[in-house]
């Protein structure tokens, strides 16, 4: 069986909109979220402000090949999660808390 990796926004789970993974570390605690352009706008605004202020950020060491935590799901699993998320909350999924 072939599998397709699909990254969807953690907020709306829309498979038709491109999402990127954002990783942020604050006070030594790391957070990660997959967000579309709409839901990543606040993060991108903070990045813009930091760049304008002269912050260059710090590059961190990359993890080794194969050392990742990607979630591989079948289309059926994605559809089942979308159906479950749509019940009782007007079709919107609550934002994840890390």
PDB file of N, CA and C in Angstrom:
ATOM      1  N   UNK A   1       0.841  -1.173   0.000  1.00  0.00           N
ATOM      2  CA  UNK A   1       0.000   0.000   0.000  1.00  0.00           C
ATOM      3  C   UNK A   1       0.889   1.241   0.000  1.00  0.00           C
ATOM      4  N   UNK A   2       0.645   2.136  -0.891  1.00  0.00           N
ATOM      5  CA  UNK A   2       1.398   3.392  -0.953  1.00  0.00           C
ATOM      6  C   UNK A   2       0.833   4.370   0.066  1.00  0.00           C
ATOM      7  N   UNK A   3       1.716   5.161   0.642  1.00  0.00           N
ATOM      8  CA  UNK A   3       1.288   6.183   1.600  1.00  0.00           C
ATOM      9  C   UNK A   3       1.721   7.542   1.087  1.00  0.00           C
ATOM     10  N   UNK A   4       0.918   8.526   1.389  1.00  0.00           N
ATOM     11  CA  UNK A   4       1.210   9.899   1.004  1.00  0.00           C
ATOM     12  C   UNK A   4       1.356  10.715   2.280  1.00  0.00           C
ATOM     13  N   UNK A   5       2.431  11.486   2.382  1.00  0.00           N
ATOM     14  CA  UNK A   5       2.599  12.401   3.514  1.00  0.00           C
ATOM     15  C   UNK A   5       1.919  13.711   3.161  1.00  0.00           C
ATOM     16  N   UNK A   6       1.035  14.163   4.014  1.00  0.00           N
ATOM     17  CA  UNK A   6       0.304  15.396   3.777  1.00  0.00           C
ATOM     18  C   UNK A   6       0.353  16.224   5.051  1.00  0.00           C
ATOM     19  N   UNK A   7       0.938  17.404   4.961  1.00  0.00           N
ATOM     20  CA  UNK A   7       0.981  18.298   6.114  1.00  0.00           C
ATOM     21  C   UNK A   7      -0.183  19.260   5.996  1.00  0.00           C
ATOM     22  N   UNK A   8      -1.051  19.261   7.003  1.00  0.00           N
ATOM     23  CA  UNK A   8      -2.202  20.157   7.004  1.00  0.00           C
ATOM     24  C   UNK A   8      -2.113  21.078   8.212  1.00  0.00           C
ATOM     25  N   UNK A   9      -2.785  22.200   8.123  1.00  0.00           N
ATOM     26  CA  UNK A   9      -2.810  23.180   9.209  1.00  0.00           C
ATOM     27  C   UNK A   9      -3.420  22.548  10.458  1.00  0.00           C
ATOM     28  N   UNK A  10      -2.749  22.711  11.595  1.00  0.00           N
ATOM     29  CA  UNK A  10      -3.252  22.173  12.860  1.00  0.00           C
ATOM     30  C   UNK A  10      -4.561  22.830  13.282  1.00  0.00           C
ATOM     31  N   UNK A  11      -4.835  24.035  12.785  1.00  0.00           N
ATOM     32  CA  UNK A  11      -6.041  24.758  13.200  1.00  0.00           C
ATOM     33  C   UNK A  11      -7.263  24.295  12.423  1.00  0.00           C
ATOM     34  N   UNK A  12      -7.186  24.303  11.086  1.00  0.00           N
ATOM     35  CA  UNK A  12      -8.393  23.988  10.311  1.00  0.00           C
ATOM     36  C   UNK A  12      -8.358  22.661   9.572  1.00  0.00           C
ATOM     37  N   UNK A  13      -7.208  21.989   9.547  1.00  0.00           N
ATOM     38  CA  UNK A  13      -7.070  20.666   8.939  1.00  0.00           C
ATOM     39  C   UNK A  13      -7.474  20.620   7.464  1.00  0.00           C
ATOM     40  N   UNK A  14      -7.361  21.741   6.755  1.00  0.00           N
ATOM     41  CA  UNK A  14      -7.765  21.818   5.349  1.00  0.00           C
ATOM     42  C   UNK A  14      -6.681  21.198   4.466  1.00  0.00           C
ATOM     43  N   UNK A  15      -6.965  20.060   3.811  1.00  0.00           N
ATOM     44  CA  UNK A  15      -5.939  19.400   3.000  1.00  0.00           C
ATOM     45  C   UNK A  15      -5.681  20.089   1.660  1.00  0.00           C
ATOM     46  N   UNK A  16      -6.470  21.091   1.304  1.00  0.00           N
ATOM     47  CA  UNK A  16      -6.285  21.769   0.016  1.00  0.00           C
ATOM     48  C   UNK A  16      -5.414  23.011   0.126  1.00  0.00           C
ATOM     49  N   UNK A  17      -4.977  23.355   1.339  1.00  0.00           N
ATOM     50  CA  UNK A  17      -4.169  24.551   1.561  1.00  0.00           C
ATOM     51  C   UNK A  17      -2.800  24.134   2.090  1.00  0.00           C
ATOM     52  N   UNK A  18      -1.742  24.685   1.487  1.00  0.00           N
ATOM     53  CA  UNK A  18      -0.380  24.361   1.900  1.00  0.00           C
ATOM     54  C   UNK A  18      -0.139  24.796   3.346  1.00  0.00           C
ATOM     55  N   UNK A  19       0.557  23.955   4.086  1.00  0.00           N
ATOM     56  CA  UNK A  19       0.918  24.271   5.469  1.00  0.00           C
ATOM     57  C   UNK A  19       2.418  24.056   5.649  1.00  0.00           C
ATOM     58  N   UNK A  20       3.011  24.848   6.534  1.00  0.00           N
ATOM     59  CA  UNK A  20       4.429  24.727   6.867  1.00  0.00           C
ATOM     60  C   UNK A  20       4.550  24.422   8.349  1.00  0.00           C
ATOM     61  N   UNK A  21       5.674  23.793   8.693  1.00  0.00           N
ATOM     62  CA  UNK A  21       5.937  23.502  10.096  1.00  0.00           C
ATOM     63  C   UNK A  21       6.744  24.642  10.688  1.00  0.00           C
ATOM     64  N   UNK A  22       6.263  25.194  11.792  1.00  0.00           N
ATOM     65  CA  UNK A  22       6.957  26.257  12.523  1.00  0.00           C
ATOM     66  C   UNK A  22       7.436  25.676  13.839  1.00  0.00           C
ATOM     67  N   UNK A  23       8.727  25.874  14.137  1.00  0.00           N
ATOM     68  CA  UNK A  23       9.309  25.425  15.397  1.00  0.00           C
ATOM     69  C   UNK A  23       9.827  26.652  16.124  1.00  0.00           C
ATOM     70  N   UNK A  24       9.400  26.810  17.362  1.00  0.00           N
ATOM     71  CA  UNK A  24       9.775  27.976  18.151  1.00  0.00           C
ATOM     72  C   UNK A  24      10.279  27.498  19.498  1.00  0.00           C
ATOM     73  N   UNK A  25      11.346  28.121  19.976  1.00  0.00           N
ATOM     74  CA  UNK A  25      11.856  27.819  21.312  1.00  0.00           C
ATOM     75  C   UNK A  25      11.833  29.103  22.133  1.00  0.00           C
ATOM     76  N   UNK A  26      11.176  29.040  23.284  1.00  0.00           N
ATOM     77  CA  UNK A  26      11.081  30.180  24.191  1.00  0.00           C
ATOM     78  C   UNK A  26      11.463  29.697  25.578  1.00  0.00           C
ATOM     79  N   UNK A  27      12.433  30.356  26.168  1.00  0.00           N
ATOM     80  CA  UNK A  27      12.901  30.003  27.511  1.00  0.00           C
ATOM     81  C   UNK A  27      13.235  28.515  27.628  1.00  0.00           C
ATOM     82  N   UNK A  28      13.843  27.963  26.585  1.00  0.00           N
ATOM     83  CA  UNK A  28      14.275  26.579  26.610  1.00  0.00           C
ATOM     84  C   UNK A  28      13.196  25.560  26.304  1.00  0.00           C
ATOM     85  N   UNK A  29      11.958  25.994  26.122  1.00  0.00           N
ATOM     86  CA  UNK A  29      10.865  25.075  25.807  1.00  0.00           C
ATOM     87  C   UNK A  29      10.530  25.190  24.327  1.00  0.00           C
ATOM     88  N   UNK A  30      10.472  24.062  23.638  1.00  0.00           N
ATOM     89  CA  UNK A  30      10.231  24.057  22.199  1.00  0.00           C
ATOM     90  C   UNK A  30       8.776  23.767  21.874  1.00  0.00           C
ATOM     91  N   UNK A  31       8.288  24.434  20.842  1.00  0.00           N
ATOM     92  CA  UNK A  31       6.921  24.269  20.364  1.00  0.00           C
ATOM     93  C   UNK A  31       6.974  24.026  18.861  1.00  0.00           C
ATOM     94  N   UNK A  32       6.037  23.259  18.350  1.00  0.00           N
ATOM     95  CA  UNK A  32       5.976  22.991  16.927  1.00  0.00           C
ATOM     96  C   UNK A  32       4.518  23.001  16.493  1.00  0.00           C
ATOM     97  N   UNK A  33       4.250  23.622  15.344  1.00  0.00           N
ATOM     98  CA  UNK A  33       2.889  23.651  14.810  1.00  0.00           C
ATOM     99  C   UNK A  33       2.948  23.689  13.295  1.00  0.00           C
ATOM    100  N   UNK A  34       2.033  22.978  12.668  1.00  0.00           N
ATOM    101  CA  UNK A  34       1.872  23.027  11.221  1.00  0.00           C
ATOM    102  C   UNK A  34       0.762  24.039  10.943  1.00  0.00           C
ATOM    103  N   UNK A  35       1.105  25.113  10.211  1.00  0.00           N
ATOM    104  CA  UNK A  35       0.149  26.194   9.994  1.00  0.00           C
ATOM    105  C   UNK A  35       0.111  26.638   8.542  1.00  0.00           C
ATOM    106  N   UNK A  36      -1.087  27.007   8.083  1.00  0.00           N
ATOM    107  CA  UNK A  36      -1.250  27.588   6.749  1.00  0.00           C
ATOM    108  C   UNK A  36      -0.895  29.076   6.846  1.00  0.00           C
ATOM    109  N   UNK A  37      -0.881  29.766   5.714  1.00  0.00           N
ATOM    110  CA  UNK A  37      -0.539  31.190   5.704  1.00  0.00           C
ATOM    111  C   UNK A  37      -1.454  31.997   6.617  1.00  0.00           C
ATOM    112  N   UNK A  38      -2.745  31.713   6.568  1.00  0.00           N
ATOM    113  CA  UNK A  38      -3.701  32.470   7.391  1.00  0.00           C
ATOM    114  C   UNK A  38      -3.391  32.347   8.879  1.00  0.00           C
ATOM    115  N   UNK A  39      -3.160  31.133   9.341  1.00  0.00           N
ATOM    116  CA  UNK A  39      -2.967  30.912  10.772  1.00  0.00           C
ATOM    117  C   UNK A  39      -1.533  31.136  11.243  1.00  0.00           C
ATOM    118  N   UNK A  40      -0.605  31.272  10.304  1.00  0.00           N
ATOM    119  CA  UNK A  40       0.782  31.556  10.694  1.00  0.00           C
ATOM    120  C   UNK A  40       1.086  33.056  10.645  1.00  0.00           C
ATOM    121  N   UNK A  41       0.124  33.875  10.250  1.00  0.00           N
ATOM    122  CA  UNK A  41       0.354  35.314  10.121  1.00  0.00           C
ATOM    123  C   UNK A  41       0.919  35.951  11.399  1.00  0.00           C
ATOM    124  N   UNK A  42       0.412  35.633  12.593  1.00  0.00           N
ATOM    125  CA  UNK A  42       0.990  36.244  13.803  1.00  0.00           C
ATOM    126  C   UNK A  42       2.461  35.862  14.009  1.00  0.00           C
ATOM    127  N   UNK A  43       2.812  34.631  13.714  1.00  0.00           N
ATOM    128  CA  UNK A  43       4.200  34.189  13.869  1.00  0.00           C
ATOM    129  C   UNK A  43       5.089  34.919  12.870  1.00  0.00           C
ATOM    130  N   UNK A  44       4.626  35.014  11.622  1.00  0.00           N
ATOM    131  CA  UNK A  44       5.416  35.699  10.600  1.00  0.00           C
ATOM    132  C   UNK A  44       5.568  37.182  10.934  1.00  0.00           C
ATOM    133  N   UNK A  45       4.575  37.792  11.561  1.00  0.00           N
ATOM    134  CA  UNK A  45       4.670  39.203  11.964  1.00  0.00           C
ATOM    135  C   UNK A  45       5.742  39.371  13.050  1.00  0.00           C
ATOM    136  N   UNK A  46       5.787  38.470  14.011  1.00  0.00           N
ATOM    137  CA  UNK A  46       6.820  38.523  15.052  1.00  0.00           C
ATOM    138  C   UNK A  46       8.203  38.355  14.418  1.00  0.00           C
ATOM    139  N   UNK A  47       8.314  37.454  13.441  1.00  0.00           N
ATOM    140  CA  UNK A  47       9.595  37.257  12.758  1.00  0.00           C
ATOM    141  C   UNK A  47      10.001  38.535  12.016  1.00  0.00           C
ATOM    142  N   UNK A  48       9.045  39.191  11.379  1.00  0.00           N
ATOM    143  CA  UNK A  48       9.322  40.432  10.653  1.00  0.00           C
ATOM    144  C   UNK A  48       9.809  41.513  11.614  1.00  0.00           C
ATOM    145  N   UNK A  49       9.164  41.637  12.760  1.00  0.00           N
ATOM    146  CA  UNK A  49       9.553  42.638  13.766  1.00  0.00           C
ATOM    147  C   UNK A  49      10.961  42.342  14.285  1.00  0.00           C
ATOM    148  N   UNK A  50      11.243  41.062  14.559  1.00  0.00           N
ATOM    149  CA  UNK A  50      12.573  40.679  15.059  1.00  0.00           C
ATOM    150  C   UNK A  50      13.649  40.980  14.026  1.00  0.00           C
ATOM    151  N   UNK A  51      13.373  40.700  12.758  1.00  0.00           N
ATOM    152  CA  UNK A  51      14.343  40.993  11.701  1.00  0.00           C
ATOM    153  C   UNK A  51      14.575  42.490  11.568  1.00  0.00           C
ATOM    154  N   UNK A  52      13.506  43.276  11.664  1.00  0.00           N
ATOM    155  CA  UNK A  52      13.631  44.729  11.562  1.00  0.00           C
ATOM    156  C   UNK A  52      14.433  45.297  12.729  1.00  0.00           C
ATOM    157  N   UNK A  53      14.356  44.641  13.868  1.00  0.00           N
ATOM    158  CA  UNK A  53      15.082  45.085  15.053  1.00  0.00           C
ATOM    159  C   UNK A  53      16.536  44.633  15.030  1.00  0.00           C
ATOM    160  N   UNK A  54      16.899  43.872  14.010  1.00  0.00           N
ATOM    161  CA  UNK A  54      18.293  43.445  13.882  1.00  0.00           C
ATOM    162  C   UNK A  54      18.580  42.070  14.422  1.00  0.00           C
ATOM    163  N   UNK A  55      17.568  41.369  14.888  1.00  0.00           N
ATOM    164  CA  UNK A  55      17.782  40.010  15.379  1.00  0.00           C
ATOM    165  C   UNK A  55      18.017  39.091  14.198  1.00  0.00           C
ATOM    166  N   UNK A  56      19.069  38.306  14.266  1.00  0.00           N
ATOM    167  CA  UNK A  56      19.356  37.374  13.174  1.00  0.00           C
ATOM    168  C   UNK A  56      18.904  35.969  13.502  1.00  0.00           C
ATOM    169  N   UNK A  57      18.529  35.731  14.737  1.00  0.00           N
ATOM    170  CA  UNK A  57      18.145  34.378  15.130  1.00  0.00           C
ATOM    171  C   UNK A  57      19.368  33.507  15.247  1.00  0.00           C
ATOM    172  N   UNK A  58      19.188  32.317  15.729  1.00  0.00           N
ATOM    173  CA  UNK A  58      20.295  31.383  15.876  1.00  0.00           C
ATOM    174  C   UNK A  58      19.986  30.111  15.132  1.00  0.00           C
ATOM    175  N   UNK A  59      20.914  29.661  14.349  1.00  0.00           N
ATOM    176  CA  UNK A  59      20.757  28.377  13.676  1.00  0.00           C
ATOM    177  C   UNK A  59      20.997  27.277  14.693  1.00  0.00           C
ATOM    178  N   UNK A  60      20.204  26.251  14.633  1.00  0.00           N
ATOM    179  CA  UNK A  60      20.388  25.120  15.532  1.00  0.00           C
ATOM    180  C   UNK A  60      20.837  23.918  14.722  1.00  0.00           C
ATOM    181  N   UNK A  61      21.496  23.002  15.387  1.00  0.00           N
ATOM    182  CA  UNK A  61      21.983  21.796  14.707  1.00  0.00           C
ATOM    183  C   UNK A  61      20.798  20.986  14.208  1.00  0.00           C
ATOM    184  N   UNK A  62      20.934  20.497  13.003  1.00  0.00           N
ATOM    185  CA  UNK A  62      19.892  19.646  12.419  1.00  0.00           C
ATOM    186  C   UNK A  62      20.013  18.248  12.991  1.00  0.00           C
ATOM    187  N   UNK A  63      18.885  17.608  13.106  1.00  0.00           N
ATOM    188  CA  UNK A  63      18.894  16.221  13.547  1.00  0.00           C
ATOM    189  C   UNK A  63      19.369  15.332  12.413  1.00  0.00           C
ATOM    190  N   UNK A  64      19.856  14.174  12.756  1.00  0.00           N
ATOM    191  CA  UNK A  64      20.371  13.247  11.759  1.00  0.00           C
ATOM    192  C   UNK A  64      19.293  12.726  10.820  1.00  0.00           C
ATOM    193  N   UNK A  65      19.712  12.183   9.702  1.00  0.00           N
ATOM    194  CA  UNK A  65      18.786  11.623   8.723  1.00  0.00           C
ATOM    195  C   UNK A  65      17.977  10.512   9.382  1.00  0.00           C
ATOM    196  N   UNK A  66      16.693  10.538   9.175  1.00  0.00           N
ATOM    197  CA  UNK A  66      15.822   9.511   9.741  1.00  0.00           C
ATOM    198  C   UNK A  66      15.398   9.805  11.167  1.00  0.00           C
ATOM    199  N   UNK A  67      15.917  10.850  11.757  1.00  0.00           N
ATOM    200  CA  UNK A  67      15.583  11.207  13.135  1.00  0.00           C
ATOM    201  C   UNK A  67      14.527  12.310  13.102  1.00  0.00           C
ATOM    202  N   UNK A  68      13.303  11.926  12.852  1.00  0.00           N
ATOM    203  CA  UNK A  68      12.234  12.904  12.767  1.00  0.00           C
ATOM    204  C   UNK A  68      10.956  12.288  13.314  1.00  0.00           C
ATOM    205  N   UNK A  69       9.964  13.121  13.530  1.00  0.00           N
ATOM    206  CA  UNK A  69       8.717  12.634  14.118  1.00  0.00           C
ATOM    207  C   UNK A  69       7.537  12.897  13.186  1.00  0.00           C
ATOM    208  N   UNK A  70       7.725  12.664  11.899  1.00  0.00           N
ATOM    209  CA  UNK A  70       6.650  12.875  10.930  1.00  0.00           C
ATOM    210  C   UNK A  70       5.529  11.879  11.181  1.00  0.00           C
ATOM    211  N   UNK A  71       4.315  12.358  11.052  1.00  0.00           N
ATOM    212  CA  UNK A  71       3.154  11.500  11.201  1.00  0.00           C
ATOM    213  C   UNK A  71       2.736  11.043   9.816  1.00  0.00           C
ATOM    214  N   UNK A  72       2.748   9.759   9.594  1.00  0.00           N
ATOM    215  CA  UNK A  72       2.330   9.214   8.316  1.00  0.00           C
ATOM    216  C   UNK A  72       0.929   8.661   8.499  1.00  0.00           C
ATOM    217  N   UNK A  73      -0.009   9.177   7.706  1.00  0.00           N
ATOM    218  CA  UNK A  73      -1.401   8.751   7.809  1.00  0.00           C
ATOM    219  C   UNK A  73      -1.931   8.420   6.428  1.00  0.00           C
ATOM    220  N   UNK A  74      -2.866   7.511   6.413  1.00  0.00           N
ATOM    221  CA  UNK A  74      -3.532   7.194   5.158  1.00  0.00           C
ATOM    222  C   UNK A  74      -4.626   8.228   4.918  1.00  0.00           C
ATOM    223  N   UNK A  75      -5.097   8.310   3.690  1.00  0.00           N
ATOM    224  CA  UNK A  75      -6.205   9.216   3.366  1.00  0.00           C
ATOM    225  C   UNK A  75      -7.426   8.867   4.217  1.00  0.00           C
ATOM    226  N   UNK A  76      -7.651   7.584   4.426  1.00  0.00           N
ATOM    227  CA  UNK A  76      -8.788   7.149   5.236  1.00  0.00           C
ATOM    228  C   UNK A  76      -8.673   7.676   6.668  1.00  0.00           C
ATOM    229  N   UNK A  77      -7.470   7.638   7.238  1.00  0.00           N
ATOM    230  CA  UNK A  77      -7.266   8.156   8.592  1.00  0.00           C
ATOM    231  C   UNK A  77      -7.515   9.662   8.644  1.00  0.00           C
ATOM    232  N   UNK A  78      -7.044  10.369   7.630  1.00  0.00           N
ATOM    233  CA  UNK A  78      -7.244  11.820   7.575  1.00  0.00           C
ATOM    234  C   UNK A  78      -8.724  12.143   7.484  1.00  0.00           C
ATOM    235  N   UNK A  79      -9.441  11.442   6.611  1.00  0.00           N
ATOM    236  CA  UNK A  79     -10.876  11.685   6.457  1.00  0.00           C
ATOM    237  C   UNK A  79     -11.632  11.376   7.745  1.00  0.00           C
ATOM    238  N   UNK A  80     -11.259  10.303   8.441  1.00  0.00           N
ATOM    239  CA  UNK A  80     -11.906   9.950   9.702  1.00  0.00           C
ATOM    240  C   UNK A  80     -11.666  11.026  10.752  1.00  0.00           C
ATOM    241  N   UNK A  81     -10.445  11.568  10.820  1.00  0.00           N
ATOM    242  CA  UNK A  81     -10.149  12.638  11.775  1.00  0.00           C
ATOM    243  C   UNK A  81     -10.927  13.902  11.446  1.00  0.00           C
ATOM    244  N   UNK A  82     -11.029  14.221  10.153  1.00  0.00           N
ATOM    245  CA  UNK A  82     -11.794  15.401   9.748  1.00  0.00           C
ATOM    246  C   UNK A  82     -13.258  15.249  10.137  1.00  0.00           C
ATOM    247  N   UNK A  83     -13.810  14.052   9.919  1.00  0.00           N
ATOM    248  CA  UNK A  83     -15.212  13.811  10.259  1.00  0.00           C
ATOM    249  C   UNK A  83     -15.419  13.921  11.768  1.00  0.00           C
ATOM    250  N   UNK A  84     -14.503  13.362  12.549  1.00  0.00           N
ATOM    251  CA  UNK A  84     -14.620  13.428  14.007  1.00  0.00           C
ATOM    252  C   UNK A  84     -14.454  14.854  14.516  1.00  0.00           C
ATOM    253  N   UNK A  85     -13.555  15.617  13.904  1.00  0.00           N
ATOM    254  CA  UNK A  85     -13.304  16.991  14.344  1.00  0.00           C
ATOM    255  C   UNK A  85     -14.485  17.887  14.028  1.00  0.00           C
ATOM    256  N   UNK A  86     -15.251  17.561  13.011  1.00  0.00           N
ATOM    257  CA  UNK A  86     -16.371  18.400  12.591  1.00  0.00           C
ATOM    258  C   UNK A  86     -17.604  18.250  13.447  1.00  0.00           C
ATOM    259  N   UNK A  87     -17.657  17.243  14.298  1.00  0.00           N
ATOM    260  CA  UNK A  87     -18.834  17.005  15.139  1.00  0.00           C
ATOM    261  C   UNK A  87     -18.794  17.861  16.395  1.00  0.00           C
ATOM    262  N   UNK A  88     -19.864  18.611  16.632  1.00  0.00           N
ATOM    263  CA  UNK A  88     -20.018  19.334  17.892  1.00  0.00           C
ATOM    264  C   UNK A  88     -19.288  20.650  17.994  1.00  0.00           C
ATOM    265  N   UNK A  89     -18.578  21.100  16.978  1.00  0.00           N
ATOM    266  CA  UNK A  89     -17.893  22.388  17.099  1.00  0.00           C
ATOM    267  C   UNK A  89     -18.009  23.217  15.826  1.00  0.00           C
ATOM    268  N   UNK A  90     -19.081  23.025  15.110  1.00  0.00           N
ATOM    269  CA  UNK A  90     -19.320  23.840  13.924  1.00  0.00           C
ATOM    270  C   UNK A  90     -18.339  23.581  12.801  1.00  0.00           C
ATOM    271  N   UNK A  91     -17.715  22.414  12.803  1.00  0.00           N
ATOM    272  CA  UNK A  91     -16.782  22.084  11.735  1.00  0.00           C
ATOM    273  C   UNK A  91     -15.380  22.595  11.948  1.00  0.00           C
ATOM    274  N   UNK A  92     -15.138  23.330  13.026  1.00  0.00           N
ATOM    275  CA  UNK A  92     -13.797  23.869  13.302  1.00  0.00           C
ATOM    276  C   UNK A  92     -13.128  23.016  14.357  1.00  0.00           C
ATOM    277  N   UNK A  93     -11.863  22.793  14.185  1.00  0.00           N
ATOM    278  CA  UNK A  93     -11.079  22.031  15.154  1.00  0.00           C
ATOM    279  C   UNK A  93     -10.386  23.012  16.083  1.00  0.00           C
ATOM    280  N   UNK A  94     -10.364  22.698  17.353  1.00  0.00           N
ATOM    281  CA  UNK A  94      -9.685  23.548  18.327  1.00  0.00           C
ATOM    282  C   UNK A  94      -8.187  23.534  18.073  1.00  0.00           C
ATOM    283  N   UNK A  95      -7.529  24.649  18.360  1.00  0.00           N
ATOM    284  CA  UNK A  95      -6.072  24.748  18.177  1.00  0.00           C
ATOM    285  C   UNK A  95      -5.379  23.822  19.167  1.00  0.00           C
ATOM    286  N   UNK A  96      -4.291  23.213  18.720  1.00  0.00           N
ATOM    287  CA  UNK A  96      -3.496  22.344  19.589  1.00  0.00           C
ATOM    288  C   UNK A  96      -2.730  23.181  20.594  1.00  0.00           C
ATOM    289  N   UNK A  97      -2.620  22.660  21.796  1.00  0.00           N
ATOM    290  CA  UNK A  97      -1.741  23.272  22.787  1.00  0.00           C
ATOM    291  C   UNK A  97      -0.542  22.380  22.927  1.00  0.00           C
ATOM    292  N   UNK A  98       0.628  22.952  22.824  1.00  0.00           N
ATOM    293  CA  UNK A  98       1.857  22.159  22.962  1.00  0.00           C
ATOM    294  C   UNK A  98       2.349  22.209  24.354  1.00  0.00           C
TER     295      UNK A  98
END
